[in-house]
Protein backbone atom coordinates (compact mmCIF):
# COMPACT_ATOMS: atom_id res chain seq x y z
CA SER A 1 110.00 134.01 116.28
CA ALA A 2 109.12 131.04 118.16
CA LEU A 3 106.48 128.42 116.55
CA HIS A 4 102.98 129.08 118.02
CA LEU A 5 101.03 125.96 117.64
CA ALA A 6 97.19 125.87 118.34
CA VAL A 7 96.06 122.39 119.42
CA ASP A 8 92.61 121.08 119.57
CA ARG A 9 92.20 118.81 122.66
CA SER A 10 89.40 116.92 120.90
CA ASP A 11 91.53 116.11 117.89
CA MET A 12 95.02 116.02 119.47
CA LEU A 13 96.71 113.91 116.99
CA ARG A 14 95.49 115.41 113.80
CA SER A 15 95.95 119.15 114.94
CA SER A 16 99.49 118.31 116.32
CA LEU A 17 100.42 116.50 113.08
CA CYS A 18 99.23 119.55 111.02
CA GLY A 19 101.10 122.08 113.02
CA LEU A 20 104.32 120.15 113.70
CA GLY A 21 105.67 119.38 110.20
CA GLU A 22 109.48 119.06 109.61
CA GLU A 23 109.92 122.62 108.73
CA ALA A 24 107.94 123.97 111.45
CA LEU A 25 109.62 121.56 113.87
CA HIS A 26 113.14 123.00 112.78
CA ASP A 27 111.87 126.75 113.22
CA ALA A 28 110.59 125.82 116.66
CA LEU A 29 113.79 124.37 117.72
CA ARG A 30 115.78 127.10 116.56
CA HIS A 31 113.91 129.30 118.94
CA GLY A 32 113.84 126.83 121.91
CA ARG A 33 110.56 125.08 121.85
CA PRO A 34 106.91 125.28 120.48
CA VAL A 35 104.76 127.60 122.25
CA ILE A 36 101.31 125.97 122.78
CA THR A 37 97.71 127.24 122.75
CA PHE A 38 94.78 125.00 123.43
CA SER A 39 91.79 126.01 121.33
CA GLY A 40 88.87 127.46 123.48
CA GLU A 41 91.16 127.68 126.41
CA GLU A 42 92.87 130.68 128.10
CA GLY A 43 96.42 130.48 129.14
CA LEU A 44 99.83 131.80 128.64
CA ASP A 45 102.62 129.11 127.74
CA ALA A 46 105.49 129.63 130.18
CA GLY A 47 106.40 125.87 129.81
CA GLY A 48 103.45 124.27 131.55
CA LEU A 49 101.30 124.19 128.34
CA PHE A 50 104.15 122.75 126.31
CA ARG A 51 104.60 119.93 128.94
CA ASP A 52 100.98 119.38 129.10
CA TRP A 53 100.74 119.13 125.21
CA LEU A 54 103.62 116.76 125.01
CA ALA A 55 102.30 114.39 127.80
CA SER A 56 98.77 114.58 126.25
CA LEU A 57 100.19 113.90 122.76
CA ALA A 58 102.23 110.99 123.90
CA ALA A 59 99.29 109.44 125.67
CA GLU A 60 97.33 109.56 122.31
CA LEU A 61 100.15 108.18 120.22
CA PHE A 62 100.97 105.35 122.49
CA SER A 63 97.44 104.33 123.13
CA PRO A 64 96.68 100.96 121.46
CA ASP A 65 93.33 102.58 120.16
CA HIS A 66 95.01 104.18 117.24
CA GLY A 67 96.62 100.77 116.21
CA LEU A 68 100.17 102.13 116.28
CA VAL A 69 101.35 100.03 119.24
CA VAL A 70 100.49 97.12 121.41
CA ARG A 71 100.82 96.77 125.21
CA VAL A 72 101.99 94.14 127.62
CA ASP A 73 101.22 94.53 131.17
CA ARG A 74 104.40 94.49 133.41
CA GLU A 75 102.76 91.70 135.63
CA ASP A 76 102.64 89.35 132.54
CA ALA A 77 106.04 90.37 131.27
CA GLU A 78 108.02 90.10 134.67
CA GLY A 79 105.84 87.82 136.76
CA LEU A 80 105.29 90.49 139.33
CA ARG A 81 103.32 93.71 139.75
CA LEU A 82 105.22 96.90 140.35
CA VAL A 83 103.89 99.78 142.44
CA GLY A 84 102.87 102.60 139.94
CA GLY A 85 104.13 100.33 137.13
CA LEU A 86 103.45 101.03 133.54
CA PRO A 87 102.70 98.54 130.61
CA TYR A 88 105.31 98.03 128.19
CA VAL A 89 104.72 99.41 124.73
CA SER A 90 105.87 97.99 121.49
CA LEU A 91 105.21 98.77 117.90
CA SER A 92 102.38 97.02 116.24
CA PRO A 93 103.67 94.46 113.27
CA VAL A 94 100.46 95.79 111.21
CA PRO A 95 99.88 99.53 112.11
CA GLU A 96 98.51 100.18 108.63
CA ALA A 97 95.72 97.86 109.35
CA ALA A 98 94.05 100.43 111.77
CA ASN A 99 95.93 103.68 110.54
CA ALA A 100 96.31 104.28 106.74
CA ASP A 101 98.39 107.38 107.54
CA CYS A 102 100.72 105.39 110.16
CA ARG A 103 104.12 106.64 108.64
CA SER A 104 103.05 110.30 109.44
CA TYR A 105 102.09 109.36 112.89
CA LEU A 106 105.23 107.17 113.46
CA VAL A 107 107.37 110.10 112.45
CA LEU A 108 105.43 112.27 114.95
CA MET A 109 106.07 109.60 117.60
CA GLY A 110 109.80 109.95 116.94
CA ARG A 111 109.79 113.77 117.12
CA VAL A 112 107.64 113.64 120.38
CA LEU A 113 110.42 111.40 122.01
CA GLY A 114 113.02 113.68 120.73
CA LEU A 115 111.20 116.82 122.27
CA SER A 116 110.80 114.73 125.38
CA LEU A 117 114.60 114.09 125.68
CA ARG A 118 115.61 117.52 124.52
CA HIS A 119 113.62 119.35 127.14
CA GLY A 120 113.82 116.76 129.93
CA VAL A 121 109.89 116.13 130.15
CA PRO A 122 109.23 112.57 130.87
CA LEU A 123 106.19 111.13 129.24
CA GLY A 124 105.04 108.45 131.68
CA VAL A 125 105.32 105.95 128.68
CA CYS A 126 107.43 102.63 129.05
CA LEU A 127 109.05 101.64 125.80
CA SER A 128 109.86 98.04 125.57
CA PRO A 129 113.49 97.18 125.50
CA PRO A 130 113.37 95.74 121.87
CA LEU A 131 111.59 98.96 120.75
CA CYS A 132 114.33 101.15 122.44
CA LYS A 133 116.95 99.12 120.63
CA LEU A 134 115.35 99.62 117.16
CA VAL A 135 114.65 103.34 117.59
CA LEU A 136 118.23 103.69 118.52
CA GLY A 137 119.47 101.84 115.52
CA ARG A 138 120.68 98.76 117.50
CA ALA A 139 118.74 95.88 116.04
CA ALA A 140 121.75 93.80 116.39
CA GLU A 141 121.44 93.95 120.23
CA VAL A 142 117.84 92.39 120.30
CA ARG A 143 117.88 89.01 122.07
CA PHE A 144 115.74 86.05 123.00
CA GLU A 145 115.20 87.62 126.46
CA ASP A 146 113.44 90.66 124.82
CA LEU A 147 110.76 88.44 123.70
CA ARG A 148 109.29 88.56 127.15
CA PHE A 149 108.30 92.14 126.86
CA VAL A 150 106.38 91.53 123.73
CA ALA A 151 104.93 87.90 124.01
CA PRO A 152 105.56 86.96 127.62
CA ARG A 153 103.49 83.63 127.51
CA GLN A 154 105.36 82.38 124.65
CA TRP A 155 108.77 83.58 126.02
CA ARG A 156 107.99 81.66 129.18
CA GLU A 157 107.09 78.38 127.52
CA LEU A 158 110.16 78.42 125.28
CA ASP A 159 112.33 79.52 128.05
CA GLN A 160 111.25 76.55 130.23
CA CYS A 161 112.32 74.20 127.10
CA LEU A 162 115.50 75.89 126.77
CA ARG A 163 116.42 75.27 130.48
CA GLU A 164 115.90 71.67 130.19
CA ALA A 165 119.50 70.44 129.71
CA ASP A 166 118.57 66.94 128.87
CA HIS A 167 117.37 66.57 125.31
CA GLU A 168 114.69 63.92 126.26
CA ALA A 169 113.21 66.17 128.83
CA ARG A 170 113.26 69.07 126.52
CA GLY A 171 111.59 66.95 123.74
CA LEU A 172 108.85 66.04 126.11
CA ARG A 173 108.20 69.77 127.04
CA LEU A 174 107.99 70.62 123.25
CA HIS A 175 105.60 67.68 122.64
CA ALA A 176 103.45 69.14 125.58
CA LEU A 177 103.60 72.67 124.20
CA GLY A 178 102.58 71.34 120.71
CA ASP A 179 99.55 69.54 122.34
CA ALA A 180 98.56 72.69 124.11
CA LEU A 181 98.82 74.81 120.80
CA GLY A 182 96.89 72.09 118.86
CA ASP A 183 99.81 71.42 116.37
CA ALA A 184 103.47 70.68 116.51
CA LEU A 185 105.84 73.74 116.50
CA CYS A 186 107.38 74.40 113.04
CA PHE A 187 109.67 77.12 111.64
CA ALA A 188 106.87 79.38 110.60
CA VAL A 189 104.71 81.91 112.14
CA GLU A 190 101.48 83.81 111.31
CA SER A 191 101.94 86.06 108.29
CA ARG A 192 101.73 89.79 108.37
CA GLU A 193 98.65 89.58 105.89
CA ALA A 194 96.95 87.23 108.19
CA ARG A 195 97.53 89.46 111.07
CA THR A 196 96.20 92.33 109.16
CA LEU A 197 92.90 90.58 108.33
CA ARG A 198 92.53 89.18 111.82
CA GLN A 199 92.86 92.71 113.37
CA GLN A 200 90.16 94.02 110.93
CA GLY A 201 88.05 91.14 112.05
CA LEU A 202 88.20 88.94 109.06
CA TRP A 203 89.13 85.67 110.93
CA ARG A 204 88.09 83.26 108.31
CA GLU A 205 90.18 85.05 105.56
CA ALA A 206 93.09 85.14 107.90
CA LEU A 207 93.04 81.35 108.56
CA GLN A 208 93.29 80.96 104.72
CA ARG A 209 96.71 82.61 104.51
CA GLU A 210 99.80 80.68 104.49
CA ASP A 211 102.10 81.24 107.52
CA SER A 212 105.45 82.95 107.21
CA GLU A 213 108.46 80.83 107.09
CA LEU A 214 111.23 81.83 109.40
CA LEU A 215 113.75 80.20 107.04
CA PRO A 216 113.34 78.34 103.55
CA GLY A 217 111.21 75.19 104.02
CA GLY A 218 110.27 76.25 107.49
CA ARG A 219 106.67 75.06 107.14
CA GLU A 220 107.88 71.39 106.86
CA ARG A 221 110.75 71.77 109.33
CA LEU A 222 109.39 70.67 112.98
CA VAL A 223 111.03 72.06 116.13
CA CYS A 224 112.81 69.45 118.17
CA ALA A 225 115.17 69.33 121.01
CA ALA A 226 118.28 69.70 118.79
CA ASN A 227 117.10 72.78 116.85
CA LEU A 228 115.29 74.78 119.49
CA GLU A 229 118.02 77.30 119.83
CA ASP A 230 117.99 78.03 116.17
CA TYR A 231 114.12 78.28 116.24
CA CYS A 232 114.33 80.86 119.11
CA ASP A 233 116.90 82.88 117.36
CA SER A 234 115.03 82.66 114.05
CA LEU A 235 111.74 83.73 115.84
CA VAL A 236 113.08 86.65 117.64
CA ARG A 237 114.71 87.96 114.55
CA LYS A 238 111.32 87.69 112.68
CA GLU A 239 108.91 88.85 115.41
CA LEU A 240 111.16 91.62 117.04
CA VAL A 241 113.15 92.84 114.21
CA ASP A 242 112.00 92.09 110.69
CA ASN A 243 108.27 92.53 111.25
CA VAL A 244 108.75 96.00 112.90
CA GLN A 245 112.04 97.40 112.00
CA GLY A 246 110.61 99.30 108.84
CA PHE A 247 107.99 101.01 111.21
CA ALA A 248 110.71 101.67 113.81
CA SER A 249 112.82 103.53 111.22
CA HIS A 250 110.08 106.07 110.83
CA VAL A 251 110.08 106.68 114.52
CA ARG A 252 113.76 106.92 114.63
CA ALA A 253 113.81 109.20 111.64
CA GLY A 254 111.54 111.61 113.75
CA LEU A 255 113.84 111.37 116.82
CA LEU A 256 116.91 112.11 114.58
CA GLU A 257 115.09 115.14 113.18
CA VAL A 258 115.19 116.65 116.67
CA ALA A 259 118.75 115.55 117.45
CA ASN A 260 120.33 116.32 114.33
CA LEU A 261 119.10 119.88 114.07
CA ARG A 262 122.50 120.77 115.51
CA PRO A 263 124.39 117.77 114.93
CA THR A 264 127.57 118.89 116.90
CA SER A 265 125.58 119.92 119.94
CA ALA A 266 125.80 118.22 123.22
CA PHE A 267 122.23 116.93 122.96
CA ALA A 268 123.00 115.36 119.55
CA ARG A 269 126.05 113.69 120.97
CA SER A 270 124.01 112.47 124.07
CA VAL A 271 121.39 111.02 121.66
CA ARG A 272 123.94 109.16 119.80
CA ARG A 273 125.52 107.55 122.89
CA LEU A 274 122.10 106.82 124.54
CA GLY A 275 121.61 103.06 125.62
CA ALA A 276 118.26 101.38 125.28
CA GLU A 277 117.91 101.23 129.09
CA ALA A 278 118.72 104.89 129.44
CA LEU A 279 116.21 105.80 126.75
CA GLU A 280 113.39 103.69 128.58
CA HIS A 281 114.10 105.35 131.96
CA ALA A 282 114.43 108.95 130.31
CA ILE A 283 111.03 108.52 128.51
CA MET A 284 109.27 106.74 131.40
CA GLY A 285 110.37 108.97 134.37
CA LYS A 286 110.21 108.18 137.99
CA LEU A 287 107.47 105.66 138.87
CA ASP A 288 106.54 107.72 142.05
CA VAL A 289 107.18 111.00 143.62
CA ASP A 290 109.56 111.39 146.73
CA VAL A 291 107.01 113.33 149.01
CA GLY A 292 109.69 114.27 151.53
CA ALA A 293 111.79 115.66 148.67
CA TRP A 294 108.77 117.55 147.40
CA ARG A 295 107.88 119.04 150.61
CA ALA A 296 111.50 120.12 151.25
CA ARG A 297 111.62 122.18 147.94
CA THR A 298 108.25 123.79 148.57
CA GLU A 299 108.07 127.37 149.28
CA TYR A 300 105.15 129.23 151.08
CA VAL A 301 103.85 132.79 150.80
CA PRO A 302 103.57 135.16 152.30
CA GLU A 303 107.10 134.62 153.84
CA GLY A 304 106.89 133.58 157.28
CA ARG A 305 103.26 132.47 157.43
CA ALA A 306 104.12 128.86 157.36
CA GLU A 307 105.58 129.16 160.92
CA GLU A 308 102.48 130.36 162.32
CA PRO A 309 100.67 127.58 164.47
CA ARG A 310 97.40 127.46 162.48
CA SER A 311 99.10 127.69 159.20
CA ARG A 312 101.70 125.03 160.28
CA GLN A 313 98.85 122.57 161.01
CA VAL A 314 97.30 123.10 157.51
CA VAL A 315 100.65 122.48 155.96
CA ASP A 316 101.02 119.14 157.92
CA TRP A 317 97.44 118.26 156.87
CA PHE A 318 98.21 118.77 153.35
CA TRP A 319 101.31 116.76 153.19
CA GLU A 320 99.75 113.99 155.19
CA ALA A 321 96.96 113.81 152.64
CA VAL A 322 99.78 113.58 149.88
CA GLU A 323 101.35 110.81 151.65
CA ALA A 324 98.17 108.83 151.77
CA MET A 325 97.71 109.18 148.07
CA SER A 326 98.16 106.34 145.67
CA ALA A 327 101.27 106.83 143.21
CA GLU A 328 98.55 107.65 140.45
CA GLN A 329 96.92 110.32 142.54
CA ARG A 330 100.27 111.77 143.24
CA GLY A 331 101.15 111.79 139.72
CA ASP A 332 97.88 113.79 138.95
CA LEU A 333 98.68 116.24 141.69
CA LEU A 334 102.06 116.67 140.35
CA PHE A 335 100.55 117.39 137.02
CA PHE A 336 98.19 119.91 138.32
CA CYS A 337 100.98 121.66 140.04
CA CYS A 338 103.44 121.87 137.35
CA ALA A 339 102.30 120.02 134.20
CA TYR A 340 104.84 117.12 134.62
CA ARG A 341 103.32 113.73 134.41
CA ARG A 342 106.45 112.41 136.02
CA LEU A 343 109.64 113.53 137.16
CA PRO A 344 113.02 112.83 135.35
CA ALA A 345 114.48 109.52 136.22
CA ARG A 346 118.02 110.72 136.66
CA GLY A 347 119.28 113.90 138.36
CA ASP A 348 117.32 116.05 140.83
CA GLY A 349 114.70 116.94 138.49
CA TRP A 350 112.74 119.06 140.90
CA PHE A 351 110.75 122.10 140.36
CA ALA A 352 110.16 124.88 142.93
CA MET A 353 106.55 124.71 143.93
CA ARG A 354 104.96 127.69 145.75
CA ILE A 355 101.92 127.28 148.03
CA SER A 356 100.11 130.49 148.97
CA LEU A 357 98.63 130.46 152.51
CA GLY A 358 95.54 132.56 153.17
C-alpha cells in the first residue's frame, strides 16, 4: 500500500524527516508517491496535498533560517532585477554551525529534489549553477563565472581586474582592491573554522584563526598581475567546490535514492543525462503564469452558463483582476487553485481548472 505520511505544518522539517526515511521512501515510490495528511486538517490527497507538502518542505529546507543554504539576490548576481525573479540558493560552507543534524537534512533536500523531478512539481527555488553542477556530480564543470552566483561583489571586482589586458593597469586595479580590503590579496581565504565561529557570533575567536591556504605557502604569496588567473582558479576550486562538495554529496545521495529505485527506468536515465541548466529550470519552474493560456484552459460549470451575458461579464472581471495581479499574487492564486507554486518550465505543464458559476 502507499505510504501515508502525517505532517505537522508547525514542525515541517522534523515530521517530514521522521516519516520519509530511506526505506519508507522506497515503499512510497513503488506505489507512486507519498499520500499526505496534515495534522489537524481535513482533506483527501488526490495530488494537491502532496504538491502542497513538497513545496512547503522545500521552502523550509531552502530557507537560510536553518543554516543549510545561503542566498544571493538575482539583482546582485546579474546586475539587473528580474520580474518575479528568485534569489540564487547555494549550500552553506558551514551548515553544521547552525544545524548539528545537517547531513540528514541535506539528504532529505536531495530526496525532495528527486520527488520534484519525478512528479513534475516545480519548487519555486532557484538553485545556483555551481550547486546544480555539484548535485549532478559535475564538479569539473565549475568555472570562475560561477562565482558571480555565490559572491557577486568579489566576482565583479576580480572580473574587472581580469579584463585589463595591460599588466600595469591590472596591477593598479589589484592595488586599489587591496586598499579597499585593508590588506593585499594573497593565496589564502578565511578558514571553515573561522566561518563557523563567525556564524556563531564569536567574532574575536574567528579573527584568531589562521586563513586557509589556496596552495602551499599561499599566505606569503601575494596576488599580482602575472598570477591573477591562477589565483582566480584556485579561489573558485576552494570556495565553490572543496568547501561544499562534501555537503553537496549528501544532497546528491538523496536525489539518486529517488532516481535509482528503478535504475533502468526512463526517469533514471533522464536524471543521468540532466544538465545543470535543465536542473535549475526544472526545480524553479516558470517565473510567471501566462494568463491567456490559463484562461483558455479553464472550464466553466454548469455547461453553457459562461455564455450568458451576466456570467460572461463576471468571467471577464475575474480575468481582468488576474491580469492586474503581480507575478507573486498570480503564483498565490495558482497555488490556491491547484497547489502548484509554479508551472513546469518546459512542456505544456497546464492543469484543467474548473470554475463554478452560480
